[in-house]
Amino acid sequence: MFNIFKKKTDKLLIKAPVDGDVVEIVDVPDEVFAQKLIGDGVAVIPEADIFVSPVDGIVTAVFPTKHAIGIRTKEGIEVMIHVGIDTVKLNGEGFVTFVTEGDKVKVGDKLLKIERTLIKSKAKSLVSPIVVTNMDRIKEFKKMTGKATAGQTVVIEAVI
């Protein structure tokens, strides 16, 4: 009648961090991501140089090599954006970051800029995983694939 015993569920919409084609995480050419060892999500094949925040939250990690950024949402969900495969070996070459650990970000805020041509020539792949690393907090997970626009297209819908 009053649903006083019904537990409230929240939905978290994770948007595309960059313009491009969204593909299944199992199709990423890296076993750690493809086997979901870090978490579950999708990957984007970037068609632009600017990566933006896919969620509102606080930046929890900016890797020294600038190839990956972690963000924690107000709900406590940890989202990692990992640009390219084997890009850690570039030691920051081809990357410029706009955020530091502790920064508050909103969907669409600039996180980093990449030099796609340089990274494509030196890394294994440009495909960029977007992964929820604390999947134990997720009750339901729906992933979308296809064309995406940075900061606008929902690529993951999570019930928490």
N, C-alpha and C. Protein backbone atom coordinates (compact mmCIF):
# COMPACT_ATOMS: atom_id res chain seq x y z
N MET A 1 0.82 -1.19 0.00
CA MET A 1 0.00 0.00 0.00
C MET A 1 0.87 1.26 0.00
N PHE A 2 1.76 1.39 1.00
CA PHE A 2 2.62 2.57 1.05
C PHE A 2 4.05 2.27 0.59
N ASN A 3 4.31 1.03 0.29
CA ASN A 3 5.64 0.60 -0.14
C ASN A 3 6.75 1.00 0.85
N ILE A 4 6.41 0.98 2.15
CA ILE A 4 7.41 1.40 3.12
C ILE A 4 8.55 0.40 3.29
N PHE A 5 8.30 -0.84 2.89
CA PHE A 5 9.35 -1.85 3.01
C PHE A 5 10.09 -2.07 1.69
N LYS A 6 9.66 -1.40 0.65
CA LYS A 6 10.30 -1.55 -0.65
C LYS A 6 11.60 -0.74 -0.66
N LYS A 7 12.68 -1.40 -1.00
CA LYS A 7 13.97 -0.74 -1.04
C LYS A 7 14.07 0.14 -2.30
N LYS A 8 14.59 1.33 -2.11
CA LYS A 8 14.76 2.26 -3.22
C LYS A 8 15.94 1.80 -4.09
N THR A 9 15.74 1.82 -5.39
CA THR A 9 16.84 1.50 -6.29
C THR A 9 17.19 2.74 -7.09
N ASP A 10 18.46 2.95 -7.27
CA ASP A 10 18.94 4.09 -8.05
C ASP A 10 19.47 3.60 -9.38
N LYS A 11 19.32 4.44 -10.38
CA LYS A 11 19.89 4.15 -11.70
C LYS A 11 21.05 5.10 -11.93
N LEU A 12 22.13 4.55 -12.41
CA LEU A 12 23.29 5.36 -12.79
C LEU A 12 23.44 5.25 -14.29
N LEU A 13 23.44 6.40 -14.96
CA LEU A 13 23.64 6.43 -16.40
C LEU A 13 25.06 6.85 -16.68
N ILE A 14 25.81 5.99 -17.32
CA ILE A 14 27.19 6.28 -17.68
C ILE A 14 27.21 6.64 -19.15
N LYS A 15 27.69 7.85 -19.44
CA LYS A 15 27.68 8.37 -20.81
C LYS A 15 29.01 8.07 -21.50
N ALA A 16 29.00 8.20 -22.80
CA ALA A 16 30.23 7.99 -23.59
C ALA A 16 31.25 9.07 -23.23
N PRO A 17 32.51 8.68 -23.01
CA PRO A 17 33.53 9.67 -22.70
C PRO A 17 34.15 10.32 -23.95
N VAL A 18 33.84 9.75 -25.11
CA VAL A 18 34.42 10.26 -26.36
C VAL A 18 33.50 9.86 -27.51
N ASP A 19 33.49 10.66 -28.57
CA ASP A 19 32.74 10.29 -29.78
C ASP A 19 33.37 9.03 -30.36
N GLY A 20 32.51 8.12 -30.84
CA GLY A 20 33.05 6.93 -31.48
C GLY A 20 32.07 5.78 -31.50
N ASP A 21 32.59 4.63 -31.88
CA ASP A 21 31.80 3.40 -31.93
C ASP A 21 31.96 2.64 -30.62
N VAL A 22 30.83 2.30 -30.01
CA VAL A 22 30.84 1.55 -28.75
C VAL A 22 30.75 0.07 -29.07
N VAL A 23 31.65 -0.71 -28.48
CA VAL A 23 31.70 -2.15 -28.71
C VAL A 23 31.65 -2.89 -27.37
N GLU A 24 31.37 -4.17 -27.43
CA GLU A 24 31.32 -5.02 -26.24
C GLU A 24 32.72 -5.12 -25.61
N ILE A 25 32.76 -5.17 -24.30
CA ILE A 25 34.04 -5.30 -23.59
C ILE A 25 34.75 -6.61 -23.96
N VAL A 26 33.99 -7.65 -24.26
CA VAL A 26 34.60 -8.94 -24.62
C VAL A 26 35.35 -8.89 -25.94
N ASP A 27 35.12 -7.82 -26.72
CA ASP A 27 35.81 -7.66 -28.01
C ASP A 27 37.09 -6.83 -27.92
N VAL A 28 37.44 -6.40 -26.71
CA VAL A 28 38.67 -5.62 -26.53
C VAL A 28 39.87 -6.55 -26.69
N PRO A 29 40.88 -6.13 -27.47
CA PRO A 29 42.04 -6.99 -27.72
C PRO A 29 43.04 -7.02 -26.55
N ASP A 30 42.52 -7.28 -25.36
CA ASP A 30 43.33 -7.39 -24.16
C ASP A 30 42.56 -8.29 -23.21
N GLU A 31 43.18 -9.38 -22.79
CA GLU A 31 42.50 -10.39 -21.97
C GLU A 31 42.00 -9.85 -20.63
N VAL A 32 42.74 -8.91 -20.03
CA VAL A 32 42.33 -8.36 -18.74
C VAL A 32 40.96 -7.70 -18.84
N PHE A 33 40.74 -6.96 -19.92
CA PHE A 33 39.45 -6.31 -20.12
C PHE A 33 38.42 -7.28 -20.68
N ALA A 34 38.80 -8.05 -21.70
CA ALA A 34 37.87 -8.96 -22.36
C ALA A 34 37.30 -10.00 -21.40
N GLN A 35 38.10 -10.42 -20.43
CA GLN A 35 37.64 -11.40 -19.44
C GLN A 35 37.03 -10.74 -18.21
N LYS A 36 36.90 -9.43 -18.25
CA LYS A 36 36.26 -8.65 -17.19
C LYS A 36 36.97 -8.83 -15.84
N LEU A 37 38.29 -8.93 -15.87
CA LEU A 37 39.05 -9.13 -14.65
C LEU A 37 39.09 -7.88 -13.77
N ILE A 38 38.99 -6.71 -14.39
CA ILE A 38 38.98 -5.44 -13.66
C ILE A 38 37.54 -5.04 -13.32
N GLY A 39 36.61 -5.43 -14.18
CA GLY A 39 35.20 -5.05 -14.03
C GLY A 39 34.51 -5.22 -15.36
N ASP A 40 33.26 -4.79 -15.40
CA ASP A 40 32.46 -4.92 -16.62
C ASP A 40 32.19 -3.54 -17.20
N GLY A 41 31.90 -3.51 -18.48
CA GLY A 41 31.60 -2.24 -19.13
C GLY A 41 31.51 -2.39 -20.63
N VAL A 42 31.95 -1.36 -21.31
CA VAL A 42 31.98 -1.34 -22.78
C VAL A 42 33.32 -0.73 -23.18
N ALA A 43 33.53 -0.60 -24.48
CA ALA A 43 34.72 0.09 -24.97
C ALA A 43 34.31 0.98 -26.13
N VAL A 44 35.05 2.05 -26.32
CA VAL A 44 34.77 2.99 -27.40
C VAL A 44 35.99 3.06 -28.31
N ILE A 45 35.74 3.00 -29.61
CA ILE A 45 36.80 3.25 -30.59
C ILE A 45 36.74 4.74 -30.89
N PRO A 46 37.67 5.53 -30.36
CA PRO A 46 37.58 6.99 -30.43
C PRO A 46 37.63 7.54 -31.84
N GLU A 47 36.75 8.52 -32.09
CA GLU A 47 36.75 9.28 -33.34
C GLU A 47 37.02 10.75 -33.07
N ALA A 48 37.47 11.06 -31.86
CA ALA A 48 37.80 12.43 -31.46
C ALA A 48 38.98 12.37 -30.50
N ASP A 49 39.55 13.53 -30.21
CA ASP A 49 40.74 13.59 -29.37
C ASP A 49 40.46 13.96 -27.92
N ILE A 50 39.25 14.43 -27.63
CA ILE A 50 38.91 14.87 -26.29
C ILE A 50 38.05 13.82 -25.58
N PHE A 51 38.48 13.43 -24.39
CA PHE A 51 37.71 12.53 -23.53
C PHE A 51 37.09 13.37 -22.42
N VAL A 52 35.81 13.13 -22.16
CA VAL A 52 35.09 13.87 -21.13
C VAL A 52 34.60 12.91 -20.05
N SER A 53 34.18 13.48 -18.95
CA SER A 53 33.69 12.65 -17.85
C SER A 53 32.37 11.99 -18.24
N PRO A 54 32.27 10.67 -18.03
CA PRO A 54 31.04 9.95 -18.34
C PRO A 54 30.01 10.01 -17.20
N VAL A 55 30.44 10.53 -16.03
CA VAL A 55 29.60 10.59 -14.84
C VAL A 55 29.93 11.84 -14.04
N ASP A 56 29.03 12.20 -13.13
CA ASP A 56 29.33 13.21 -12.12
C ASP A 56 30.07 12.49 -11.00
N GLY A 57 31.12 13.11 -10.48
CA GLY A 57 31.83 12.45 -9.40
C GLY A 57 33.12 13.15 -9.03
N ILE A 58 33.97 12.40 -8.35
CA ILE A 58 35.28 12.90 -7.92
C ILE A 58 36.36 12.05 -8.58
N VAL A 59 37.35 12.71 -9.13
CA VAL A 59 38.48 12.00 -9.75
C VAL A 59 39.27 11.33 -8.64
N THR A 60 39.36 10.00 -8.71
CA THR A 60 40.08 9.24 -7.68
C THR A 60 41.47 8.83 -8.13
N ALA A 61 41.70 8.83 -9.44
CA ALA A 61 43.02 8.44 -9.94
C ALA A 61 43.27 9.05 -11.31
N VAL A 62 44.45 9.59 -11.48
CA VAL A 62 44.97 9.98 -12.79
C VAL A 62 46.31 9.27 -12.87
N PHE A 63 46.37 8.25 -13.68
CA PHE A 63 47.59 7.46 -13.75
C PHE A 63 48.76 8.35 -14.19
N PRO A 64 49.96 8.14 -13.65
CA PRO A 64 51.11 8.97 -14.00
C PRO A 64 51.39 8.97 -15.51
N THR A 65 51.01 7.89 -16.18
CA THR A 65 51.21 7.80 -17.63
C THR A 65 50.05 8.42 -18.40
N LYS A 66 49.07 8.98 -17.69
CA LYS A 66 47.94 9.73 -18.23
C LYS A 66 46.98 8.92 -19.10
N HIS A 67 47.16 7.62 -19.18
CA HIS A 67 46.35 6.79 -20.07
C HIS A 67 45.05 6.32 -19.44
N ALA A 68 44.88 6.53 -18.13
CA ALA A 68 43.68 6.06 -17.44
C ALA A 68 43.30 7.01 -16.32
N ILE A 69 41.98 7.14 -16.13
CA ILE A 69 41.44 8.01 -15.09
C ILE A 69 40.32 7.27 -14.37
N GLY A 70 40.29 7.39 -13.05
CA GLY A 70 39.23 6.79 -12.25
C GLY A 70 38.35 7.87 -11.66
N ILE A 71 37.04 7.62 -11.61
CA ILE A 71 36.08 8.56 -11.05
C ILE A 71 35.12 7.78 -10.15
N ARG A 72 34.83 8.34 -8.96
CA ARG A 72 33.84 7.75 -8.06
C ARG A 72 32.61 8.63 -8.05
N THR A 73 31.44 8.02 -8.30
CA THR A 73 30.18 8.76 -8.29
C THR A 73 29.72 8.96 -6.85
N LYS A 74 28.73 9.83 -6.65
CA LYS A 74 28.20 10.06 -5.30
C LYS A 74 27.59 8.80 -4.72
N GLU A 75 27.18 7.87 -5.59
CA GLU A 75 26.64 6.59 -5.14
C GLU A 75 27.73 5.59 -4.77
N GLY A 76 29.00 5.97 -4.98
CA GLY A 76 30.11 5.09 -4.64
C GLY A 76 30.53 4.15 -5.75
N ILE A 77 30.02 4.35 -6.96
CA ILE A 77 30.39 3.51 -8.09
C ILE A 77 31.70 4.03 -8.68
N GLU A 78 32.64 3.10 -8.88
CA GLU A 78 33.96 3.44 -9.43
C GLU A 78 33.98 3.17 -10.93
N VAL A 79 34.27 4.21 -11.70
CA VAL A 79 34.31 4.09 -13.16
C VAL A 79 35.73 4.41 -13.62
N MET A 80 36.29 3.54 -14.45
CA MET A 80 37.62 3.77 -15.00
C MET A 80 37.53 3.95 -16.50
N ILE A 81 38.18 4.99 -17.00
CA ILE A 81 38.32 5.22 -18.44
C ILE A 81 39.77 4.89 -18.77
N HIS A 82 39.97 3.91 -19.63
CA HIS A 82 41.32 3.46 -20.00
C HIS A 82 41.49 3.72 -21.49
N VAL A 83 42.36 4.64 -21.86
CA VAL A 83 42.51 5.03 -23.26
C VAL A 83 43.49 4.10 -23.96
N GLY A 84 42.98 3.35 -24.92
CA GLY A 84 43.83 2.47 -25.73
C GLY A 84 44.31 1.24 -24.98
N ILE A 85 44.98 0.39 -25.70
CA ILE A 85 45.54 -0.86 -25.16
C ILE A 85 47.06 -0.79 -25.28
N ASP A 86 47.73 -1.12 -24.20
CA ASP A 86 49.19 -1.04 -24.07
C ASP A 86 49.71 0.39 -24.17
N THR A 87 48.85 1.36 -23.83
CA THR A 87 49.25 2.77 -23.87
C THR A 87 50.08 3.17 -22.66
N VAL A 88 50.09 2.34 -21.62
CA VAL A 88 50.93 2.62 -20.46
C VAL A 88 52.40 2.72 -20.89
N LYS A 89 52.76 1.98 -21.92
CA LYS A 89 54.14 1.96 -22.42
C LYS A 89 54.57 3.29 -23.04
N LEU A 90 53.60 4.16 -23.35
CA LEU A 90 53.92 5.45 -23.96
C LEU A 90 54.39 6.47 -22.93
N ASN A 91 54.27 6.14 -21.63
CA ASN A 91 54.73 7.02 -20.55
C ASN A 91 54.20 8.45 -20.66
N GLY A 92 52.95 8.59 -21.08
CA GLY A 92 52.32 9.91 -21.15
C GLY A 92 52.43 10.58 -22.50
N GLU A 93 53.27 10.06 -23.38
CA GLU A 93 53.42 10.64 -24.71
C GLU A 93 52.08 10.54 -25.46
N GLY A 94 51.62 11.67 -25.99
CA GLY A 94 50.36 11.69 -26.72
C GLY A 94 49.14 11.98 -25.86
N PHE A 95 49.36 12.28 -24.56
CA PHE A 95 48.26 12.55 -23.63
C PHE A 95 48.46 13.89 -22.91
N VAL A 96 47.38 14.63 -22.75
CA VAL A 96 47.37 15.84 -21.93
C VAL A 96 46.16 15.73 -21.02
N THR A 97 46.37 15.82 -19.70
CA THR A 97 45.25 15.72 -18.76
C THR A 97 44.78 17.11 -18.33
N PHE A 98 43.48 17.21 -18.05
CA PHE A 98 42.89 18.47 -17.60
C PHE A 98 42.42 18.38 -16.15
N VAL A 99 42.57 17.22 -15.52
CA VAL A 99 42.11 17.03 -14.14
C VAL A 99 43.21 16.41 -13.30
N THR A 100 43.04 16.52 -11.98
CA THR A 100 43.94 15.88 -11.03
C THR A 100 43.09 15.17 -9.98
N GLU A 101 43.73 14.28 -9.23
CA GLU A 101 43.03 13.56 -8.17
C GLU A 101 42.35 14.55 -7.23
N GLY A 102 41.10 14.24 -6.87
CA GLY A 102 40.34 15.08 -5.96
C GLY A 102 39.43 16.09 -6.64
N ASP A 103 39.63 16.31 -7.94
CA ASP A 103 38.76 17.25 -8.67
C ASP A 103 37.34 16.71 -8.76
N LYS A 104 36.36 17.61 -8.62
CA LYS A 104 34.97 17.26 -8.86
C LYS A 104 34.70 17.46 -10.34
N VAL A 105 34.01 16.49 -10.96
CA VAL A 105 33.69 16.60 -12.38
C VAL A 105 32.20 16.33 -12.59
N LYS A 106 31.70 16.91 -13.65
CA LYS A 106 30.33 16.68 -14.10
C LYS A 106 30.40 16.00 -15.47
N VAL A 107 29.32 15.33 -15.85
CA VAL A 107 29.26 14.72 -17.18
C VAL A 107 29.60 15.79 -18.21
N GLY A 108 30.53 15.47 -19.10
CA GLY A 108 30.90 16.39 -20.18
C GLY A 108 32.12 17.24 -19.89
N ASP A 109 32.59 17.27 -18.63
CA ASP A 109 33.81 18.02 -18.32
C ASP A 109 35.01 17.34 -18.97
N LYS A 110 35.93 18.14 -19.51
CA LYS A 110 37.12 17.59 -20.16
C LYS A 110 38.01 16.89 -19.15
N LEU A 111 38.41 15.66 -19.50
CA LEU A 111 39.35 14.89 -18.68
C LEU A 111 40.75 14.90 -19.30
N LEU A 112 40.80 14.58 -20.59
CA LEU A 112 42.09 14.52 -21.25
C LEU A 112 41.97 14.67 -22.76
N LYS A 113 43.10 15.00 -23.35
CA LYS A 113 43.19 15.11 -24.81
C LYS A 113 44.27 14.12 -25.26
N ILE A 114 43.98 13.46 -26.39
CA ILE A 114 44.95 12.50 -26.92
C ILE A 114 45.37 12.90 -28.33
N GLU A 115 46.51 12.41 -28.73
CA GLU A 115 46.96 12.53 -30.12
C GLU A 115 46.69 11.16 -30.75
N ARG A 116 45.50 11.02 -31.37
CA ARG A 116 45.08 9.72 -31.89
C ARG A 116 46.07 9.13 -32.88
N THR A 117 46.60 9.93 -33.77
CA THR A 117 47.52 9.42 -34.79
C THR A 117 48.77 8.83 -34.14
N LEU A 118 49.32 9.54 -33.20
CA LEU A 118 50.53 9.08 -32.52
C LEU A 118 50.23 7.80 -31.73
N ILE A 119 49.15 7.81 -30.96
CA ILE A 119 48.80 6.64 -30.14
C ILE A 119 48.50 5.43 -31.02
N LYS A 120 47.77 5.67 -32.11
CA LYS A 120 47.44 4.57 -33.03
C LYS A 120 48.70 3.94 -33.61
N SER A 121 49.72 4.76 -33.86
CA SER A 121 50.95 4.24 -34.46
C SER A 121 51.85 3.53 -33.45
N LYS A 122 51.72 3.85 -32.16
CA LYS A 122 52.63 3.30 -31.16
C LYS A 122 52.01 2.30 -30.19
N ALA A 123 50.68 2.27 -30.09
CA ALA A 123 50.02 1.37 -29.14
C ALA A 123 49.39 0.19 -29.89
N LYS A 124 49.01 -0.82 -29.14
CA LYS A 124 48.38 -2.01 -29.72
C LYS A 124 47.03 -1.68 -30.36
N SER A 125 46.26 -0.79 -29.70
CA SER A 125 44.93 -0.45 -30.19
C SER A 125 44.47 0.85 -29.55
N LEU A 126 43.59 1.55 -30.25
CA LEU A 126 42.97 2.77 -29.72
C LEU A 126 41.70 2.46 -28.91
N VAL A 127 41.18 1.25 -29.01
CA VAL A 127 39.93 0.91 -28.33
C VAL A 127 40.08 1.21 -26.84
N SER A 128 39.08 1.92 -26.29
CA SER A 128 39.19 2.47 -24.94
C SER A 128 38.08 1.96 -24.03
N PRO A 129 38.41 1.06 -23.10
CA PRO A 129 37.41 0.51 -22.17
C PRO A 129 36.90 1.55 -21.16
N ILE A 130 35.61 1.46 -20.87
CA ILE A 130 34.96 2.20 -19.80
C ILE A 130 34.39 1.13 -18.89
N VAL A 131 34.94 1.01 -17.68
CA VAL A 131 34.67 -0.14 -16.84
C VAL A 131 34.21 0.29 -15.44
N VAL A 132 33.19 -0.39 -14.93
CA VAL A 132 32.81 -0.25 -13.53
C VAL A 132 33.66 -1.27 -12.78
N THR A 133 34.51 -0.77 -11.86
CA THR A 133 35.46 -1.66 -11.20
C THR A 133 34.94 -2.27 -9.90
N ASN A 134 33.82 -1.77 -9.39
CA ASN A 134 33.24 -2.38 -8.19
C ASN A 134 31.84 -2.92 -8.52
N MET A 135 31.85 -3.95 -9.35
CA MET A 135 30.60 -4.56 -9.83
C MET A 135 29.76 -5.18 -8.71
N ASP A 136 30.37 -5.44 -7.57
CA ASP A 136 29.61 -5.99 -6.45
C ASP A 136 28.53 -5.02 -5.97
N ARG A 137 28.63 -3.75 -6.35
CA ARG A 137 27.64 -2.73 -5.97
C ARG A 137 26.49 -2.63 -6.97
N ILE A 138 26.58 -3.36 -8.09
CA ILE A 138 25.60 -3.25 -9.17
C ILE A 138 24.61 -4.41 -9.09
N LYS A 139 23.31 -4.08 -9.17
CA LYS A 139 22.26 -5.10 -9.16
C LYS A 139 21.91 -5.54 -10.58
N GLU A 140 21.79 -4.59 -11.48
CA GLU A 140 21.50 -4.87 -12.90
C GLU A 140 22.41 -4.00 -13.74
N PHE A 141 22.71 -4.50 -14.92
CA PHE A 141 23.67 -3.82 -15.79
C PHE A 141 23.18 -3.94 -17.23
N LYS A 142 22.99 -2.83 -17.89
CA LYS A 142 22.55 -2.85 -19.29
C LYS A 142 23.56 -2.03 -20.08
N LYS A 143 24.10 -2.66 -21.14
CA LYS A 143 25.11 -1.99 -21.96
C LYS A 143 24.56 -1.72 -23.36
N MET A 144 24.94 -0.58 -23.92
CA MET A 144 24.53 -0.21 -25.26
C MET A 144 25.74 -0.20 -26.18
N THR A 145 25.54 -0.51 -27.44
CA THR A 145 26.61 -0.43 -28.43
C THR A 145 26.12 0.40 -29.62
N GLY A 146 27.04 0.75 -30.50
CA GLY A 146 26.71 1.57 -31.67
C GLY A 146 27.42 2.91 -31.60
N LYS A 147 27.00 3.85 -32.42
CA LYS A 147 27.60 5.19 -32.45
C LYS A 147 27.27 5.95 -31.17
N ALA A 148 28.24 6.70 -30.67
CA ALA A 148 28.04 7.45 -29.44
C ALA A 148 28.62 8.86 -29.57
N THR A 149 28.00 9.77 -28.84
CA THR A 149 28.47 11.15 -28.76
C THR A 149 28.93 11.41 -27.33
N ALA A 150 30.12 11.97 -27.20
CA ALA A 150 30.72 12.22 -25.88
C ALA A 150 29.79 13.03 -25.00
N GLY A 151 29.60 12.55 -23.76
CA GLY A 151 28.81 13.27 -22.78
C GLY A 151 27.31 13.22 -22.99
N GLN A 152 26.87 12.58 -24.07
CA GLN A 152 25.44 12.56 -24.36
C GLN A 152 24.86 11.16 -24.42
N THR A 153 25.49 10.27 -25.16
CA THR A 153 24.95 8.92 -25.36
C THR A 153 25.19 8.05 -24.13
N VAL A 154 24.12 7.44 -23.63
CA VAL A 154 24.24 6.52 -22.50
C VAL A 154 24.83 5.20 -23.04
N VAL A 155 25.94 4.76 -22.45
CA VAL A 155 26.56 3.51 -22.89
C VAL A 155 26.37 2.40 -21.86
N ILE A 156 26.12 2.79 -20.60
CA ILE A 156 25.85 1.82 -19.54
C ILE A 156 24.74 2.37 -18.65
N GLU A 157 23.78 1.51 -18.36
CA GLU A 157 22.74 1.85 -17.40
C GLU A 157 22.85 0.83 -16.28
N ALA A 158 23.14 1.32 -15.09
CA ALA A 158 23.35 0.42 -13.95
C ALA A 158 22.30 0.69 -12.88
N VAL A 159 21.73 -0.37 -12.36
CA VAL A 159 20.83 -0.26 -11.20
C VAL A 159 21.67 -0.61 -9.98
N ILE A 160 21.67 0.32 -9.02
CA ILE A 160 22.51 0.14 -7.83
C ILE A 160 21.66 0.08 -6.56
